[in-house]
Amino acid sequence: MLNQEWVSKTEQFLKEKFDGAQYLNAHPVDKAYRLEHTYRVANIGRQIAVNENFDETELVLACLLHDISYCEEFGEEGWIEHGRRAAKIARPFLRELGMAEDRIQDICYGIAIHVDDKADFDGERTPFALSVGDADNIDRFDAYRIHETLYHDGFLDKPLEEKREYVEKRLGRVRELTEMPLGTKTAEELWKSRLAFYIEFYEKLAAQIACSECVRP
C-alpha cells in the first residue's frame, strides 16, 4: 500500500521545485509536459512494484523524483547529467521524510542511472533500481508520445517521400528495441506491449502512405 503522506509530500516538493524553475516558468508547455510525464512514469512504476512485490511507495517516490533536476538550468552537459543531478536533489529530501538509508541509496541509484546507465556514486543495479529507468522508457512508447513526436517533427508538413522515409526509419529503430533487456518480467511485458502498439501504428501509417500517390496494382 502507498504511504499517502510521503507521496503527498513528494508531490508538493516536486511542484515547488518546478514552480521555482526559471526555464520551466518561461516555457509552460514544457513544464506541463514534464509534470504529466512524471506522473505517468510514477503510475507505471507503481504497476511494476505491485506485480514484482516491490515497495509501492518507494518506487512511486523514485519515479516522482526521477526528473526533478529539470528545476535547474541545463548547461552544455545538462541533459546527460540530469539523472545524477536529480539523485543529488532527492537524497536530502528522502532523508527528511525519515526513510531508511539503504532504501534511499537504492532509490537514488535508480534515479542516477536512468539516463545513461551511469552514477557518480557506488550502487547496485538491483531490479528495483533498474525499474526507475524502465518506467521512464516505457512511457516513451505510447499513444501520447506518438502524437508528440509526429507533431514535434513536423510530419504533416513533410513531402510524401520524406514521410515514407521518416516512417521507415521509425519502424527500424523501434524494431531494434524489442529485445532490449529490462529489470523485471513486468517491465519486459509492458515494454513489448508498447512496442507492438508502436510497430502496428507505423506499419499502418506506412501502408497508408503507399496508397497515397497512385492506384496500386
C-alpha atoms as a PDB file:
ATOM      1  CA  MET A   1       0.000   0.000   0.000  1.00  0.00           C
ATOM      2  CA  LEU A   2       1.032   3.562  -0.626  1.00  0.00           C
ATOM      3  CA  ASN A   3       2.186   5.806   2.185  1.00  0.00           C
ATOM      4  CA  GLN A   4      -0.077   8.672   1.142  1.00  0.00           C
ATOM      5  CA  GLU A   5       1.663  11.141   3.445  1.00  0.00           C
ATOM      6  CA  TRP A   6       5.037  10.526   1.816  1.00  0.00           C
ATOM      7  CA  VAL A   7       3.546  10.581  -1.672  1.00  0.00           C
ATOM      8  CA  SER A   8       1.783  13.892  -0.981  1.00  0.00           C
ATOM      9  CA  LYS A   9       4.940  15.448   0.464  1.00  0.00           C
ATOM     10  CA  THR A  10       6.908  14.294  -2.565  1.00  0.00           C
ATOM     11  CA  GLU A  11       4.327  15.707  -4.978  1.00  0.00           C
ATOM     12  CA  GLN A  12       4.448  19.017  -3.112  1.00  0.00           C
ATOM     13  CA  PHE A  13       8.252  19.047  -3.173  1.00  0.00           C
ATOM     14  CA  LEU A  14       8.290  18.283  -6.907  1.00  0.00           C
ATOM     15  CA  LYS A  15       5.765  21.001  -7.751  1.00  0.00           C
ATOM     16  CA  GLU A  16       7.528  23.567  -5.589  1.00  0.00           C
ATOM     17  CA  LYS A  17      10.797  22.832  -7.370  1.00  0.00           C
ATOM     18  CA  PHE A  18       9.155  23.116 -10.789  1.00  0.00           C
ATOM     19  CA  ASP A  19       7.272  26.281  -9.778  1.00  0.00           C
ATOM     20  CA  GLY A  20      10.594  27.858  -8.824  1.00  0.00           C
ATOM     21  CA  ALA A  21      12.302  26.927 -12.094  1.00  0.00           C
ATOM     22  CA  GLN A  22      13.028  29.913 -14.319  1.00  0.00           C
ATOM     23  CA  TYR A  23      13.214  27.894 -17.536  1.00  0.00           C
ATOM     24  CA  LEU A  24      10.050  25.885 -16.881  1.00  0.00           C
ATOM     25  CA  ASN A  25       8.091  29.003 -15.972  1.00  0.00           C
ATOM     26  CA  ALA A  26       9.239  30.629 -19.206  1.00  0.00           C
ATOM     27  CA  HIS A  27       8.140  27.530 -21.159  1.00  0.00           C
ATOM     28  CA  PRO A  28       4.762  26.480 -19.703  1.00  0.00           C
ATOM     29  CA  VAL A  29       4.154  23.773 -22.311  1.00  0.00           C
ATOM     30  CA  ASP A  30       7.442  22.087 -21.356  1.00  0.00           C
ATOM     31  CA  LYS A  31       6.588  22.484 -17.677  1.00  0.00           C
ATOM     32  CA  ALA A  32       3.182  20.850 -18.122  1.00  0.00           C
ATOM     33  CA  TYR A  33       4.686  18.009 -20.148  1.00  0.00           C
ATOM     34  CA  ARG A  34       7.416  17.327 -17.586  1.00  0.00           C
ATOM     35  CA  LEU A  35       4.897  17.076 -14.749  1.00  0.00           C
ATOM     36  CA  GLU A  36       2.474  14.940 -16.786  1.00  0.00           C
ATOM     37  CA  HIS A  37       5.318  12.628 -17.869  1.00  0.00           C
ATOM     38  CA  THR A  38       6.445  12.323 -14.249  1.00  0.00           C
ATOM     39  CA  TYR A  39       3.005  11.199 -13.142  1.00  0.00           C
ATOM     40  CA  ARG A  40       2.757   8.677 -15.975  1.00  0.00           C
ATOM     41  CA  VAL A  41       6.148   7.246 -15.019  1.00  0.00           C
ATOM     42  CA  ALA A  42       5.068   7.068 -11.368  1.00  0.00           C
ATOM     43  CA  ASN A  43       1.940   5.130 -12.320  1.00  0.00           C
ATOM     44  CA  ILE A  44       3.964   2.727 -14.460  1.00  0.00           C
ATOM     45  CA  GLY A  45       6.397   2.335 -11.586  1.00  0.00           C
ATOM     46  CA  ARG A  46       3.553   1.516  -9.231  1.00  0.00           C
ATOM     47  CA  GLN A  47       2.299  -1.169 -11.627  1.00  0.00           C
ATOM     48  CA  ILE A  48       5.775  -2.709 -11.736  1.00  0.00           C
ATOM     49  CA  ALA A  49       6.049  -2.534  -7.941  1.00  0.00           C
ATOM     50  CA  VAL A  50       2.719  -4.277  -7.388  1.00  0.00           C
ATOM     51  CA  ASN A  51       3.495  -7.091  -9.814  1.00  0.00           C
ATOM     52  CA  GLU A  52       7.070  -7.574  -8.611  1.00  0.00           C
ATOM     53  CA  ASN A  53       6.351  -7.243  -4.870  1.00  0.00           C
ATOM     54  CA  PHE A  54       8.480  -4.121  -4.506  1.00  0.00           C
ATOM     55  CA  ASP A  55       7.532  -1.437  -2.022  1.00  0.00           C
ATOM     56  CA  GLU A  56       4.945   0.648  -3.906  1.00  0.00           C
ATOM     57  CA  THR A  57       5.702   3.853  -2.062  1.00  0.00           C
ATOM     58  CA  GLU A  58       9.442   3.628  -2.637  1.00  0.00           C
ATOM     59  CA  LEU A  59       9.155   3.093  -6.378  1.00  0.00           C
ATOM     60  CA  VAL A  60       6.464   5.746  -6.796  1.00  0.00           C
ATOM     61  CA  LEU A  61       8.662   8.242  -4.931  1.00  0.00           C
ATOM     62  CA  ALA A  62      11.666   7.298  -7.047  1.00  0.00           C
ATOM     63  CA  CYS A  63       9.650   7.886 -10.215  1.00  0.00           C
ATOM     64  CA  LEU A  64       8.194  11.167  -8.956  1.00  0.00           C
ATOM     65  CA  LEU A  65      11.735  12.418  -8.297  1.00  0.00           C
ATOM     66  CA  HIS A  66      13.491  10.972 -11.348  1.00  0.00           C
ATOM     67  CA  ASP A  67      13.319  14.215 -13.377  1.00  0.00           C
ATOM     68  CA  ILE A  68      13.257  16.739 -10.551  1.00  0.00           C
ATOM     69  CA  SER A  69      16.538  18.216 -11.816  1.00  0.00           C
ATOM     70  CA  TYR A  70      14.523  19.890 -14.582  1.00  0.00           C
ATOM     71  CA  CYS A  71      14.106  22.599 -11.950  1.00  0.00           C
ATOM     72  CA  GLU A  72      17.685  23.587 -12.802  1.00  0.00           C
ATOM     73  CA  GLU A  73      19.143  25.317 -15.837  1.00  0.00           C
ATOM     74  CA  PHE A  74      20.840  22.736 -18.026  1.00  0.00           C
ATOM     75  CA  GLY A  75      24.333  23.599 -19.184  1.00  0.00           C
ATOM     76  CA  GLU A  76      26.201  22.054 -22.098  1.00  0.00           C
ATOM     77  CA  GLU A  77      26.157  18.610 -20.483  1.00  0.00           C
ATOM     78  CA  GLY A  78      22.909  19.234 -18.610  1.00  0.00           C
ATOM     79  CA  TRP A  79      20.623  16.661 -20.140  1.00  0.00           C
ATOM     80  CA  ILE A  80      23.042  13.742 -19.874  1.00  0.00           C
ATOM     81  CA  GLU A  81      23.662  14.673 -16.229  1.00  0.00           C
ATOM     82  CA  HIS A  82      20.056  15.185 -15.188  1.00  0.00           C
ATOM     83  CA  GLY A  83      19.672  11.747 -13.604  1.00  0.00           C
ATOM     84  CA  ARG A  84      22.716  12.261 -11.404  1.00  0.00           C
ATOM     85  CA  ARG A  85      21.594  15.798 -10.545  1.00  0.00           C
ATOM     86  CA  ALA A  86      18.111  14.522  -9.679  1.00  0.00           C
ATOM     87  CA  ALA A  87      19.622  11.968  -7.281  1.00  0.00           C
ATOM     88  CA  LYS A  88      21.522  14.742  -5.504  1.00  0.00           C
ATOM     89  CA  ILE A  89      18.335  16.751  -5.070  1.00  0.00           C
ATOM     90  CA  ALA A  90      16.305  13.734  -3.997  1.00  0.00           C
ATOM     91  CA  ARG A  91      18.641  12.352  -1.328  1.00  0.00           C
ATOM     92  CA  PRO A  92      18.293  15.079   1.350  1.00  0.00           C
ATOM     93  CA  PHE A  93      14.545  15.226   0.768  1.00  0.00           C
ATOM     94  CA  LEU A  94      14.198  11.476   1.297  1.00  0.00           C
ATOM     95  CA  ARG A  95      16.243  11.763   4.492  1.00  0.00           C
ATOM     96  CA  GLU A  96      13.839  14.434   5.736  1.00  0.00           C
ATOM     97  CA  LEU A  97      10.971  12.001   5.204  1.00  0.00           C
ATOM     98  CA  GLY A  98      12.727   9.570   7.561  1.00  0.00           C
ATOM     99  CA  MET A  99      13.343   6.823   5.040  1.00  0.00           C
ATOM    100  CA  ALA A 100      15.935   4.156   5.841  1.00  0.00           C
ATOM    101  CA  GLU A 101      19.365   4.936   4.429  1.00  0.00           C
ATOM    102  CA  ASP A 102      19.679   1.675   2.477  1.00  0.00           C
ATOM    103  CA  ARG A 103      16.382   2.373   0.720  1.00  0.00           C
ATOM    104  CA  ILE A 104      17.439   5.943  -0.058  1.00  0.00           C
ATOM    105  CA  GLN A 105      20.593   4.521  -1.633  1.00  0.00           C
ATOM    106  CA  ASP A 106      18.622   2.138  -3.861  1.00  0.00           C
ATOM    107  CA  ILE A 107      16.176   4.871  -4.896  1.00  0.00           C
ATOM    108  CA  CYS A 108      18.898   7.415  -5.627  1.00  0.00           C
ATOM    109  CA  TYR A 109      20.973   4.917  -7.560  1.00  0.00           C
ATOM    110  CA  GLY A 110      17.971   4.128  -9.751  1.00  0.00           C
ATOM    111  CA  ILE A 111      17.367   7.833 -10.345  1.00  0.00           C
ATOM    112  CA  ALA A 112      21.030   8.487 -11.083  1.00  0.00           C
ATOM    113  CA  ILE A 113      21.374   5.761 -13.744  1.00  0.00           C
ATOM    114  CA  HIS A 114      18.061   6.265 -15.516  1.00  0.00           C
ATOM    115  CA  VAL A 115      19.513   8.467 -18.288  1.00  0.00           C
ATOM    116  CA  ASP A 116      22.767   6.835 -19.390  1.00  0.00           C
ATOM    117  CA  ASP A 117      23.142   3.878 -17.023  1.00  0.00           C
ATOM    118  CA  LYS A 118      25.863   5.638 -15.015  1.00  0.00           C
ATOM    119  CA  ALA A 119      26.033   7.037 -11.491  1.00  0.00           C
ATOM    120  CA  ASP A 120      28.622   9.199  -9.768  1.00  0.00           C
ATOM    121  CA  PHE A 121      28.493   7.076  -6.619  1.00  0.00           C
ATOM    122  CA  ASP A 122      28.681   3.364  -5.900  1.00  0.00           C
ATOM    123  CA  GLY A 123      25.480   1.376  -6.036  1.00  0.00           C
ATOM    124  CA  GLU A 124      23.895  -1.900  -7.058  1.00  0.00           C
ATOM    125  CA  ARG A 125      21.887  -2.470 -10.219  1.00  0.00           C
ATOM    126  CA  THR A 126      19.020  -4.108  -8.369  1.00  0.00           C
ATOM    127  CA  PRO A 127      15.768  -4.900 -10.193  1.00  0.00           C
ATOM    128  CA  PHE A 128      14.215  -2.111  -8.117  1.00  0.00           C
ATOM    129  CA  ALA A 129      16.835   0.446  -9.166  1.00  0.00           C
ATOM    130  CA  LEU A 130      16.521  -0.569 -12.819  1.00  0.00           C
ATOM    131  CA  SER A 131      12.767  -0.125 -12.623  1.00  0.00           C
ATOM    132  CA  VAL A 132      13.073   3.676 -12.460  1.00  0.00           C
ATOM    133  CA  GLY A 133      14.623   3.814 -15.922  1.00  0.00           C
ATOM    134  CA  ASP A 134      12.330   1.058 -17.153  1.00  0.00           C
ATOM    135  CA  ALA A 135       9.216   3.032 -16.190  1.00  0.00           C
ATOM    136  CA  ASP A 136      10.675   6.140 -17.829  1.00  0.00           C
ATOM    137  CA  ASN A 137      11.436   4.266 -21.054  1.00  0.00           C
ATOM    138  CA  ILE A 138       8.043   2.562 -21.148  1.00  0.00           C
ATOM    139  CA  ASP A 139       6.324   5.943 -21.073  1.00  0.00           C
ATOM    140  CA  ARG A 140       8.321   6.971 -24.156  1.00  0.00           C
ATOM    141  CA  PHE A 141       6.401   4.456 -26.257  1.00  0.00           C
ATOM    142  CA  ASP A 142       2.681   5.019 -26.055  1.00  0.00           C
ATOM    143  CA  ALA A 143      -0.098   6.936 -27.795  1.00  0.00           C
ATOM    144  CA  TYR A 144       0.824  10.320 -26.323  1.00  0.00           C
ATOM    145  CA  ARG A 145       4.431  10.073 -27.416  1.00  0.00           C
ATOM    146  CA  ILE A 146       3.436   9.093 -30.978  1.00  0.00           C
ATOM    147  CA  HIS A 147       1.360  12.254 -31.222  1.00  0.00           C
ATOM    148  CA  GLU A 148       4.034  14.405 -29.600  1.00  0.00           C
ATOM    149  CA  THR A 149       6.810  13.072 -31.839  1.00  0.00           C
ATOM    150  CA  LEU A 150       4.875  13.458 -35.086  1.00  0.00           C
ATOM    151  CA  TYR A 151       3.899  16.996 -34.110  1.00  0.00           C
ATOM    152  CA  HIS A 152       7.397  17.947 -32.956  1.00  0.00           C
ATOM    153  CA  ASP A 153       8.991  16.560 -36.125  1.00  0.00           C
ATOM    154  CA  GLY A 154       6.541  18.373 -38.397  1.00  0.00           C
ATOM    155  CA  PHE A 155       5.339  15.157 -40.006  1.00  0.00           C
ATOM    156  CA  LEU A 156       2.288  16.702 -41.690  1.00  0.00           C
ATOM    157  CA  ASP A 157       4.417  19.350 -43.378  1.00  0.00           C
ATOM    158  CA  LYS A 158       6.789  16.858 -44.979  1.00  0.00           C
ATOM    159  CA  PRO A 159       6.565  15.880 -48.665  1.00  0.00           C
ATOM    160  CA  LEU A 160       5.233  12.374 -49.253  1.00  0.00           C
ATOM    161  CA  GLU A 161       8.647  10.825 -49.933  1.00  0.00           C
ATOM    162  CA  GLU A 162      10.047  12.296 -46.719  1.00  0.00           C
ATOM    163  CA  LYS A 163       7.052  10.929 -44.846  1.00  0.00           C
ATOM    164  CA  ARG A 164       7.813   7.481 -46.263  1.00  0.00           C
ATOM    165  CA  GLU A 165      11.465   7.691 -45.230  1.00  0.00           C
ATOM    166  CA  TYR A 166      10.543   9.026 -41.796  1.00  0.00           C
ATOM    167  CA  VAL A 167       8.149   6.139 -41.106  1.00  0.00           C
ATOM    168  CA  GLU A 168      10.636   3.525 -42.309  1.00  0.00           C
ATOM    169  CA  LYS A 169      13.294   4.986 -40.039  1.00  0.00           C
ATOM    170  CA  ARG A 170      10.952   4.995 -37.048  1.00  0.00           C
ATOM    171  CA  LEU A 171       9.964   1.385 -37.696  1.00  0.00           C
ATOM    172  CA  GLY A 172      13.574   0.292 -37.974  1.00  0.00           C
ATOM    173  CA  ARG A 173      14.501   1.959 -34.714  1.00  0.00           C
ATOM    174  CA  VAL A 174      11.549   0.538 -32.779  1.00  0.00           C
ATOM    175  CA  ARG A 175      12.160  -2.983 -34.069  1.00  0.00           C
ATOM    176  CA  GLU A 176      15.748  -2.750 -32.838  1.00  0.00           C
ATOM    177  CA  LEU A 177      14.462  -2.012 -29.339  1.00  0.00           C
ATOM    178  CA  THR A 178      12.223  -5.050 -28.992  1.00  0.00           C
ATOM    179  CA  GLU A 179      14.961  -7.202 -27.437  1.00  0.00           C
ATOM    180  CA  MET A 180      16.295  -4.570 -25.052  1.00  0.00           C
ATOM    181  CA  PRO A 181      16.733  -6.128 -21.586  1.00  0.00           C
ATOM    182  CA  LEU A 182      14.807  -4.655 -18.667  1.00  0.00           C
ATOM    183  CA  GLY A 183      14.997  -5.139 -14.940  1.00  0.00           C
ATOM    184  CA  THR A 184      11.867  -7.186 -14.335  1.00  0.00           C
ATOM    185  CA  LYS A 185       9.453  -9.510 -16.099  1.00  0.00           C
ATOM    186  CA  THR A 186       6.654  -6.986 -15.621  1.00  0.00           C
ATOM    187  CA  ALA A 187       8.653  -4.237 -17.298  1.00  0.00           C
ATOM    188  CA  GLU A 188       9.571  -6.553 -20.173  1.00  0.00           C
ATOM    189  CA  GLU A 189       5.897  -7.395 -20.760  1.00  0.00           C
ATOM    190  CA  LEU A 190       4.863  -3.731 -20.666  1.00  0.00           C
ATOM    191  CA  TRP A 191       7.755  -2.813 -22.952  1.00  0.00           C
ATOM    192  CA  LYS A 192       6.934  -5.423 -25.581  1.00  0.00           C
ATOM    193  CA  SER A 193       3.255  -4.482 -25.474  1.00  0.00           C
ATOM    194  CA  ARG A 194       4.015  -0.794 -26.004  1.00  0.00           C
ATOM    195  CA  LEU A 195       6.453  -1.520 -28.832  1.00  0.00           C
ATOM    196  CA  ALA A 196       3.964  -3.838 -30.519  1.00  0.00           C
ATOM    197  CA  PHE A 197       1.442  -0.988 -30.479  1.00  0.00           C
ATOM    198  CA  TYR A 198       4.068   1.394 -31.883  1.00  0.00           C
ATOM    199  CA  ILE A 199       5.016  -1.005 -34.662  1.00  0.00           C
ATOM    200  CA  GLU A 200       1.384  -1.640 -35.579  1.00  0.00           C
ATOM    201  CA  PHE A 201       0.708   2.102 -35.771  1.00  0.00           C
ATOM    202  CA  TYR A 202       3.694   2.856 -38.008  1.00  0.00           C
ATOM    203  CA  GLU A 203       3.055  -0.181 -40.216  1.00  0.00           C
ATOM    204  CA  LYS A 204      -0.478   1.069 -40.806  1.00  0.00           C
ATOM    205  CA  LEU A 205       0.859   4.548 -41.464  1.00  0.00           C
ATOM    206  CA  ALA A 206       3.367   3.124 -43.961  1.00  0.00           C
ATOM    207  CA  ALA A 207       0.559   1.245 -45.723  1.00  0.00           C
ATOM    208  CA  GLN A 208      -1.491   4.424 -46.000  1.00  0.00           C
ATOM    209  CA  ILE A 209       1.471   6.325 -47.415  1.00  0.00           C
ATOM    210  CA  ALA A 210       1.999   3.578 -50.002  1.00  0.00           C
ATOM    211  CA  CYS A 211      -1.595   4.151 -51.180  1.00  0.00           C
ATOM    212  CA  SER A 212      -1.328   7.933 -51.259  1.00  0.00           C
ATOM    213  CA  GLU A 213       0.108   8.634 -54.709  1.00  0.00           C
ATOM    214  CA  CYS A 214      -1.233   6.058 -57.162  1.00  0.00           C
ATOM    215  CA  VAL A 215      -3.646   3.195 -57.684  1.00  0.00           C
ATOM    216  CA  ARG A 216      -1.709   0.153 -56.591  1.00  0.00           C
ATOM    217  CA  PRO A 217      -1.519  -2.821 -58.980  1.00  0.00           C
END
